[in-house]
């Protein structure tokens, strides 16, 4: 069964001539062609097959003391408000993706964790469940040969090495957010946690220990 792609857009994070991280945005979503549907499903499949994913939810809002001694509730990350605004008005998906990418770039710079690549925003529905996937993908070069035995090279998204990705179950977020299981993410590579900057940008944290839950389930059985 195929997924219903609602929005799909890609932006690029690159290093400019001044050696600064910069965002190269795309100003519109891709038309939902069979090629885009296939790519979105490949990204979802690559995410599903990654081992050791974490599960959690958005961090609760905190309180900040202002000058007159009163506490004001402030969001941990503006991403949550931007996501809610986009869900209320899906026509703003491109603006939401660009603003979120700018936030991601700023978080990387502030935390000195620079990553380059293509930032994919995929909004889709599968088995009556609505999802938002955000992933940073790099490319790899492929060499092709045609019927005339001529060689040519092209760049392809390297899904096999996807390490920075998060999937938000928007349906569960709207129905049972208290379970804190609507965010799943790749935990990291080479001992480094993605939460160092990627989850900080989203305002999410791992709130469910899957290994511990599995142990409890086995004990119960």
C-alpha atoms as a PDB file:
ATOM      1  CA  UNK A   1       0.000   0.000   0.000  1.00  0.00           C
ATOM      2  CA  UNK A   2       1.405   3.385  -1.009  1.00  0.00           C
ATOM      3  CA  UNK A   3       1.493   6.571   1.027  1.00  0.00           C
ATOM      4  CA  UNK A   4      -0.486   9.699   0.196  1.00  0.00           C
ATOM      5  CA  UNK A   5       2.046  12.518  -0.210  1.00  0.00           C
ATOM      6  CA  UNK A   6       0.614  15.852   0.831  1.00  0.00           C
ATOM      7  CA  UNK A   7       3.757  18.022   0.674  1.00  0.00           C
ATOM      8  CA  UNK A   8       7.369  17.322  -0.274  1.00  0.00           C
ATOM      9  CA  UNK A   9      10.126  19.929  -0.389  1.00  0.00           C
ATOM     10  CA  UNK A  10      13.917  19.977  -0.161  1.00  0.00           C
ATOM     11  CA  UNK A  11      16.318  22.752   0.892  1.00  0.00           C
ATOM     12  CA  UNK A  12      20.114  22.713   0.972  1.00  0.00           C
ATOM     13  CA  UNK A  13      22.565  23.473   3.773  1.00  0.00           C
ATOM     14  CA  UNK A  14      25.959  24.385   2.340  1.00  0.00           C
ATOM     15  CA  UNK A  15      29.190  26.190   3.184  1.00  0.00           C
ATOM     16  CA  UNK A  16      29.622  29.471   1.290  1.00  0.00           C
ATOM     17  CA  UNK A  17      32.817  31.213   0.152  1.00  0.00           C
ATOM     18  CA  UNK A  18      33.150  32.841   3.579  1.00  0.00           C
ATOM     19  CA  UNK A  19      33.135  29.371   5.163  1.00  0.00           C
ATOM     20  CA  UNK A  20      29.764  30.038   6.776  1.00  0.00           C
ATOM     21  CA  UNK A  21      26.834  27.664   6.900  1.00  0.00           C
ATOM     22  CA  UNK A  22      24.113  28.959   4.613  1.00  0.00           C
ATOM     23  CA  UNK A  23      20.631  27.854   3.581  1.00  0.00           C
ATOM     24  CA  UNK A  24      19.681  27.555  -0.085  1.00  0.00           C
ATOM     25  CA  UNK A  25      15.870  27.331  -0.009  1.00  0.00           C
ATOM     26  CA  UNK A  26      13.449  25.994  -2.589  1.00  0.00           C
ATOM     27  CA  UNK A  27      10.454  28.300  -2.964  1.00  0.00           C
ATOM     28  CA  UNK A  28       7.813  25.674  -3.738  1.00  0.00           C
ATOM     29  CA  UNK A  29       6.883  22.079  -3.049  1.00  0.00           C
ATOM     30  CA  UNK A  30       7.558  19.422  -5.640  1.00  0.00           C
ATOM     31  CA  UNK A  31       4.607  18.285  -7.684  1.00  0.00           C
ATOM     32  CA  UNK A  32       3.509  14.877  -6.444  1.00  0.00           C
ATOM     33  CA  UNK A  33       4.697  12.742  -9.341  1.00  0.00           C
ATOM     34  CA  UNK A  34       5.291   8.971  -9.246  1.00  0.00           C
ATOM     35  CA  UNK A  35       9.008   9.756  -8.855  1.00  0.00           C
ATOM     36  CA  UNK A  36       8.374  11.918  -5.779  1.00  0.00           C
ATOM     37  CA  UNK A  37       6.022   9.300  -4.323  1.00  0.00           C
ATOM     38  CA  UNK A  38       8.707   6.663  -4.835  1.00  0.00           C
ATOM     39  CA  UNK A  39      11.409   8.855  -3.247  1.00  0.00           C
ATOM     40  CA  UNK A  40       9.231   9.688  -0.229  1.00  0.00           C
ATOM     41  CA  UNK A  41       8.505   5.997   0.316  1.00  0.00           C
ATOM     42  CA  UNK A  42      12.187   5.122  -0.034  1.00  0.00           C
ATOM     43  CA  UNK A  43      13.067   7.700   2.635  1.00  0.00           C
ATOM     44  CA  UNK A  44      10.344   6.325   4.919  1.00  0.00           C
ATOM     45  CA  UNK A  45      11.594   2.759   4.335  1.00  0.00           C
ATOM     46  CA  UNK A  46      15.204   3.770   5.017  1.00  0.00           C
ATOM     47  CA  UNK A  47      14.061   5.369   8.280  1.00  0.00           C
ATOM     48  CA  UNK A  48      12.046   2.298   9.309  1.00  0.00           C
ATOM     49  CA  UNK A  49      15.000  -0.034   8.777  1.00  0.00           C
ATOM     50  CA  UNK A  50      17.418   2.013  10.896  1.00  0.00           C
ATOM     51  CA  UNK A  51      18.140   0.206  14.185  1.00  0.00           C
ATOM     52  CA  UNK A  52      18.134   1.721  17.642  1.00  0.00           C
ATOM     53  CA  UNK A  53      15.685   4.575  17.164  1.00  0.00           C
ATOM     54  CA  UNK A  54      14.581   6.725  20.081  1.00  0.00           C
ATOM     55  CA  UNK A  55      10.989   7.615  20.951  1.00  0.00           C
ATOM     56  CA  UNK A  56       9.744  10.688  22.746  1.00  0.00           C
ATOM     57  CA  UNK A  57       7.809  13.915  22.471  1.00  0.00           C
ATOM     58  CA  UNK A  58       8.057  17.660  22.717  1.00  0.00           C
ATOM     59  CA  UNK A  59       9.545  19.097  25.871  1.00  0.00           C
ATOM     60  CA  UNK A  60       6.966  20.753  28.083  1.00  0.00           C
ATOM     61  CA  UNK A  61       6.906  24.535  28.100  1.00  0.00           C
ATOM     62  CA  UNK A  62       8.938  26.175  30.843  1.00  0.00           C
ATOM     63  CA  UNK A  63       8.706  29.348  32.902  1.00  0.00           C
ATOM     64  CA  UNK A  64      10.947  32.373  32.634  1.00  0.00           C
ATOM     65  CA  UNK A  65      11.307  35.047  35.316  1.00  0.00           C
ATOM     66  CA  UNK A  66      10.812  38.554  33.941  1.00  0.00           C
ATOM     67  CA  UNK A  67      11.956  41.865  35.459  1.00  0.00           C
ATOM     68  CA  UNK A  68       9.003  42.463  37.789  1.00  0.00           C
ATOM     69  CA  UNK A  69       9.485  39.042  39.378  1.00  0.00           C
ATOM     70  CA  UNK A  70       6.614  37.330  37.591  1.00  0.00           C
ATOM     71  CA  UNK A  71       6.940  34.084  35.650  1.00  0.00           C
ATOM     72  CA  UNK A  72       6.022  33.929  31.997  1.00  0.00           C
ATOM     73  CA  UNK A  73       5.480  30.627  30.182  1.00  0.00           C
ATOM     74  CA  UNK A  74       7.713  30.383  27.117  1.00  0.00           C
ATOM     75  CA  UNK A  75       8.064  27.601  24.535  1.00  0.00           C
ATOM     76  CA  UNK A  76      11.202  25.459  24.692  1.00  0.00           C
ATOM     77  CA  UNK A  77      11.515  25.701  20.912  1.00  0.00           C
ATOM     78  CA  UNK A  78       9.600  27.866  18.423  1.00  0.00           C
ATOM     79  CA  UNK A  79       9.364  24.805  16.167  1.00  0.00           C
ATOM     80  CA  UNK A  80       6.302  23.580  18.047  1.00  0.00           C
ATOM     81  CA  UNK A  81       4.388  26.808  17.400  1.00  0.00           C
ATOM     82  CA  UNK A  82       5.435  26.844  13.745  1.00  0.00           C
ATOM     83  CA  UNK A  83       4.306  23.226  13.341  1.00  0.00           C
ATOM     84  CA  UNK A  84       0.912  23.996  14.873  1.00  0.00           C
ATOM     85  CA  UNK A  85       0.483  27.036  12.618  1.00  0.00           C
ATOM     86  CA  UNK A  86       1.319  24.927   9.547  1.00  0.00           C
ATOM     87  CA  UNK A  87      -1.172  22.220  10.516  1.00  0.00           C
ATOM     88  CA  UNK A  88      -3.839  24.911  10.916  1.00  0.00           C
ATOM     89  CA  UNK A  89      -2.948  26.274   7.472  1.00  0.00           C
ATOM     90  CA  UNK A  90      -1.233  23.581   5.328  1.00  0.00           C
ATOM     91  CA  UNK A  91      -0.856  26.071   2.459  1.00  0.00           C
ATOM     92  CA  UNK A  92       2.006  27.572   4.495  1.00  0.00           C
ATOM     93  CA  UNK A  93       4.047  24.351   4.325  1.00  0.00           C
ATOM     94  CA  UNK A  94       6.886  25.827   2.252  1.00  0.00           C
ATOM     95  CA  UNK A  95       7.237  28.844   4.566  1.00  0.00           C
ATOM     96  CA  UNK A  96       7.160  26.481   7.558  1.00  0.00           C
ATOM     97  CA  UNK A  97       9.916  24.328   6.041  1.00  0.00           C
ATOM     98  CA  UNK A  98      12.131  27.336   5.235  1.00  0.00           C
ATOM     99  CA  UNK A  99      11.678  28.882   8.687  1.00  0.00           C
ATOM    100  CA  UNK A 100      12.388  25.511  10.317  1.00  0.00           C
ATOM    101  CA  UNK A 101      15.522  25.052   8.201  1.00  0.00           C
ATOM    102  CA  UNK A 102      16.731  28.505   9.258  1.00  0.00           C
ATOM    103  CA  UNK A 103      16.168  27.488  12.884  1.00  0.00           C
ATOM    104  CA  UNK A 104      18.098  24.277  12.295  1.00  0.00           C
ATOM    105  CA  UNK A 105      20.972  26.221  10.730  1.00  0.00           C
ATOM    106  CA  UNK A 106      21.076  28.604  13.700  1.00  0.00           C
ATOM    107  CA  UNK A 107      21.045  25.717  16.177  1.00  0.00           C
ATOM    108  CA  UNK A 108      23.940  24.051  14.353  1.00  0.00           C
ATOM    109  CA  UNK A 109      25.940  27.276  14.374  1.00  0.00           C
ATOM    110  CA  UNK A 110      25.214  28.008  18.041  1.00  0.00           C
ATOM    111  CA  UNK A 111      26.180  24.473  19.077  1.00  0.00           C
ATOM    112  CA  UNK A 112      29.180  24.229  16.705  1.00  0.00           C
ATOM    113  CA  UNK A 113      27.734  21.087  15.102  1.00  0.00           C
ATOM    114  CA  UNK A 114      27.896  21.843  11.420  1.00  0.00           C
ATOM    115  CA  UNK A 115      26.254  19.460   8.960  1.00  0.00           C
ATOM    116  CA  UNK A 116      25.754  20.046   5.244  1.00  0.00           C
ATOM    117  CA  UNK A 117      23.355  18.305   2.902  1.00  0.00           C
ATOM    118  CA  UNK A 118      19.765  18.403   1.735  1.00  0.00           C
ATOM    119  CA  UNK A 119      17.007  19.009   4.296  1.00  0.00           C
ATOM    120  CA  UNK A 120      13.939  16.994   3.301  1.00  0.00           C
ATOM    121  CA  UNK A 121      10.455  17.823   4.597  1.00  0.00           C
ATOM    122  CA  UNK A 122       7.936  15.106   3.737  1.00  0.00           C
ATOM    123  CA  UNK A 123       4.313  15.416   4.880  1.00  0.00           C
ATOM    124  CA  UNK A 124       2.337  12.273   4.111  1.00  0.00           C
ATOM    125  CA  UNK A 125      -0.411   9.898   5.197  1.00  0.00           C
ATOM    126  CA  UNK A 126      -0.019   6.149   5.513  1.00  0.00           C
ATOM    127  CA  UNK A 127      -2.575   3.668   6.846  1.00  0.00           C
ATOM    128  CA  UNK A 128      -4.834   6.494   8.095  1.00  0.00           C
ATOM    129  CA  UNK A 129      -1.960   8.052  10.036  1.00  0.00           C
ATOM    130  CA  UNK A 130      -0.493  11.472   9.225  1.00  0.00           C
ATOM    131  CA  UNK A 131       3.282  11.962   9.482  1.00  0.00           C
ATOM    132  CA  UNK A 132       5.932  14.632   9.071  1.00  0.00           C
ATOM    133  CA  UNK A 133       9.424  13.427   8.216  1.00  0.00           C
ATOM    134  CA  UNK A 134      12.449  15.734   8.467  1.00  0.00           C
ATOM    135  CA  UNK A 135      15.799  14.359   7.356  1.00  0.00           C
ATOM    136  CA  UNK A 136      19.238  15.618   6.339  1.00  0.00           C
ATOM    137  CA  UNK A 137      20.587  13.634   3.413  1.00  0.00           C
ATOM    138  CA  UNK A 138      23.854  13.769   1.517  1.00  0.00           C
ATOM    139  CA  UNK A 139      24.599  12.570  -1.990  1.00  0.00           C
ATOM    140  CA  UNK A 140      26.894  10.003  -3.511  1.00  0.00           C
ATOM    141  CA  UNK A 141      28.148   9.755  -7.048  1.00  0.00           C
ATOM    142  CA  UNK A 142      27.005   6.994  -9.388  1.00  0.00           C
ATOM    143  CA  UNK A 143      28.680   6.024 -12.630  1.00  0.00           C
ATOM    144  CA  UNK A 144      26.355   4.887 -15.397  1.00  0.00           C
ATOM    145  CA  UNK A 145      27.015   3.284 -18.772  1.00  0.00           C
ATOM    146  CA  UNK A 146      24.709   3.617 -21.764  1.00  0.00           C
ATOM    147  CA  UNK A 147      24.065   1.363 -24.752  1.00  0.00           C
ATOM    148  CA  UNK A 148      26.960   2.955 -26.616  1.00  0.00           C
ATOM    149  CA  UNK A 149      29.254   1.999 -23.710  1.00  0.00           C
ATOM    150  CA  UNK A 150      29.748   5.644 -22.809  1.00  0.00           C
ATOM    151  CA  UNK A 151      30.260   6.490 -19.129  1.00  0.00           C
ATOM    152  CA  UNK A 152      28.551   9.316 -17.270  1.00  0.00           C
ATOM    153  CA  UNK A 153      28.263  10.262 -13.598  1.00  0.00           C
ATOM    154  CA  UNK A 154      25.421  11.706 -11.543  1.00  0.00           C
ATOM    155  CA  UNK A 155      24.675  12.432  -7.896  1.00  0.00           C
ATOM    156  CA  UNK A 156      22.031  10.478  -5.988  1.00  0.00           C
ATOM    157  CA  UNK A 157      20.658  10.929  -2.480  1.00  0.00           C
ATOM    158  CA  UNK A 158      22.468   8.510  -0.190  1.00  0.00           C
ATOM    159  CA  UNK A 159      19.551   6.995   1.742  1.00  0.00           C
ATOM    160  CA  UNK A 160      21.657   4.131   3.100  1.00  0.00           C
ATOM    161  CA  UNK A 161      23.747   6.568   5.159  1.00  0.00           C
ATOM    162  CA  UNK A 162      20.850   8.592   6.524  1.00  0.00           C
ATOM    163  CA  UNK A 163      21.746   9.422  10.135  1.00  0.00           C
ATOM    164  CA  UNK A 164      19.861  12.627  10.900  1.00  0.00           C
ATOM    165  CA  UNK A 165      16.117  12.122  10.689  1.00  0.00           C
ATOM    166  CA  UNK A 166      12.989  12.469  12.768  1.00  0.00           C
ATOM    167  CA  UNK A 167       9.414  11.356  12.115  1.00  0.00           C
ATOM    168  CA  UNK A 168       6.505  12.993  13.911  1.00  0.00           C
ATOM    169  CA  UNK A 169       3.257  11.042  14.148  1.00  0.00           C
ATOM    170  CA  UNK A 170       0.899  13.990  13.726  1.00  0.00           C
ATOM    171  CA  UNK A 171      -2.170  11.844  14.331  1.00  0.00           C
ATOM    172  CA  UNK A 172      -0.905  10.631  17.692  1.00  0.00           C
ATOM    173  CA  UNK A 173       0.264  14.154  18.553  1.00  0.00           C
ATOM    174  CA  UNK A 174      -3.307  15.404  18.139  1.00  0.00           C
ATOM    175  CA  UNK A 175      -5.045  12.462  19.869  1.00  0.00           C
ATOM    176  CA  UNK A 176      -2.792  11.034  22.614  1.00  0.00           C
ATOM    177  CA  UNK A 177       0.138  13.427  23.185  1.00  0.00           C
ATOM    178  CA  UNK A 178       0.355  12.399  26.853  1.00  0.00           C
ATOM    179  CA  UNK A 179       1.899   9.057  25.833  1.00  0.00           C
ATOM    180  CA  UNK A 180       5.020  10.886  24.557  1.00  0.00           C
ATOM    181  CA  UNK A 181       5.475   8.406  21.700  1.00  0.00           C
ATOM    182  CA  UNK A 182       4.706  10.582  18.688  1.00  0.00           C
ATOM    183  CA  UNK A 183       8.328  11.477  17.869  1.00  0.00           C
ATOM    184  CA  UNK A 184      10.768   8.830  16.651  1.00  0.00           C
ATOM    185  CA  UNK A 185      14.329   9.593  15.645  1.00  0.00           C
ATOM    186  CA  UNK A 186      17.655   8.025  14.732  1.00  0.00           C
ATOM    187  CA  UNK A 187      19.666   8.142  17.934  1.00  0.00           C
ATOM    188  CA  UNK A 188      23.110   8.865  16.531  1.00  0.00           C
ATOM    189  CA  UNK A 189      26.316   7.699  14.966  1.00  0.00           C
ATOM    190  CA  UNK A 190      29.720   6.835  16.301  1.00  0.00           C
ATOM    191  CA  UNK A 191      28.586   7.426  19.866  1.00  0.00           C
ATOM    192  CA  UNK A 192      27.200  10.925  19.222  1.00  0.00           C
ATOM    193  CA  UNK A 193      23.568  11.584  19.984  1.00  0.00           C
ATOM    194  CA  UNK A 194      21.483  13.373  17.390  1.00  0.00           C
ATOM    195  CA  UNK A 195      19.821  15.229  20.266  1.00  0.00           C
ATOM    196  CA  UNK A 196      22.973  17.320  20.577  1.00  0.00           C
ATOM    197  CA  UNK A 197      21.535  19.701  17.999  1.00  0.00           C
ATOM    198  CA  UNK A 198      18.819  18.072  15.879  1.00  0.00           C
ATOM    199  CA  UNK A 199      16.472  17.301  18.753  1.00  0.00           C
ATOM    200  CA  UNK A 200      17.324  20.607  20.438  1.00  0.00           C
ATOM    201  CA  UNK A 201      16.146  22.438  17.314  1.00  0.00           C
ATOM    202  CA  UNK A 202      12.846  20.518  17.445  1.00  0.00           C
ATOM    203  CA  UNK A 203      12.382  20.942  21.186  1.00  0.00           C
ATOM    204  CA  UNK A 204      12.068  17.165  21.602  1.00  0.00           C
ATOM    205  CA  UNK A 205      13.621  14.664  23.963  1.00  0.00           C
ATOM    206  CA  UNK A 206      13.595  10.906  24.419  1.00  0.00           C
ATOM    207  CA  UNK A 207      10.842  10.245  26.958  1.00  0.00           C
ATOM    208  CA  UNK A 208      10.267   6.532  26.400  1.00  0.00           C
ATOM    209  CA  UNK A 209      12.938   3.890  27.035  1.00  0.00           C
ATOM    210  CA  UNK A 210      12.151   1.233  24.413  1.00  0.00           C
ATOM    211  CA  UNK A 211      14.699  -1.257  25.757  1.00  0.00           C
ATOM    212  CA  UNK A 212      13.307  -0.970  29.270  1.00  0.00           C
ATOM    213  CA  UNK A 213       9.744  -1.366  27.981  1.00  0.00           C
ATOM    214  CA  UNK A 214      10.748  -4.506  26.086  1.00  0.00           C
ATOM    215  CA  UNK A 215      12.357  -5.942  29.218  1.00  0.00           C
ATOM    216  CA  UNK A 216       9.196  -5.260  31.203  1.00  0.00           C
ATOM    217  CA  UNK A 217       7.086  -6.869  28.479  1.00  0.00           C
ATOM    218  CA  UNK A 218       9.276  -9.990  28.468  1.00  0.00           C
ATOM    219  CA  UNK A 219       9.087 -10.147  32.252  1.00  0.00           C
ATOM    220  CA  UNK A 220       5.295  -9.896  32.097  1.00  0.00           C
ATOM    221  CA  UNK A 221       5.102 -12.664  29.502  1.00  0.00           C
END
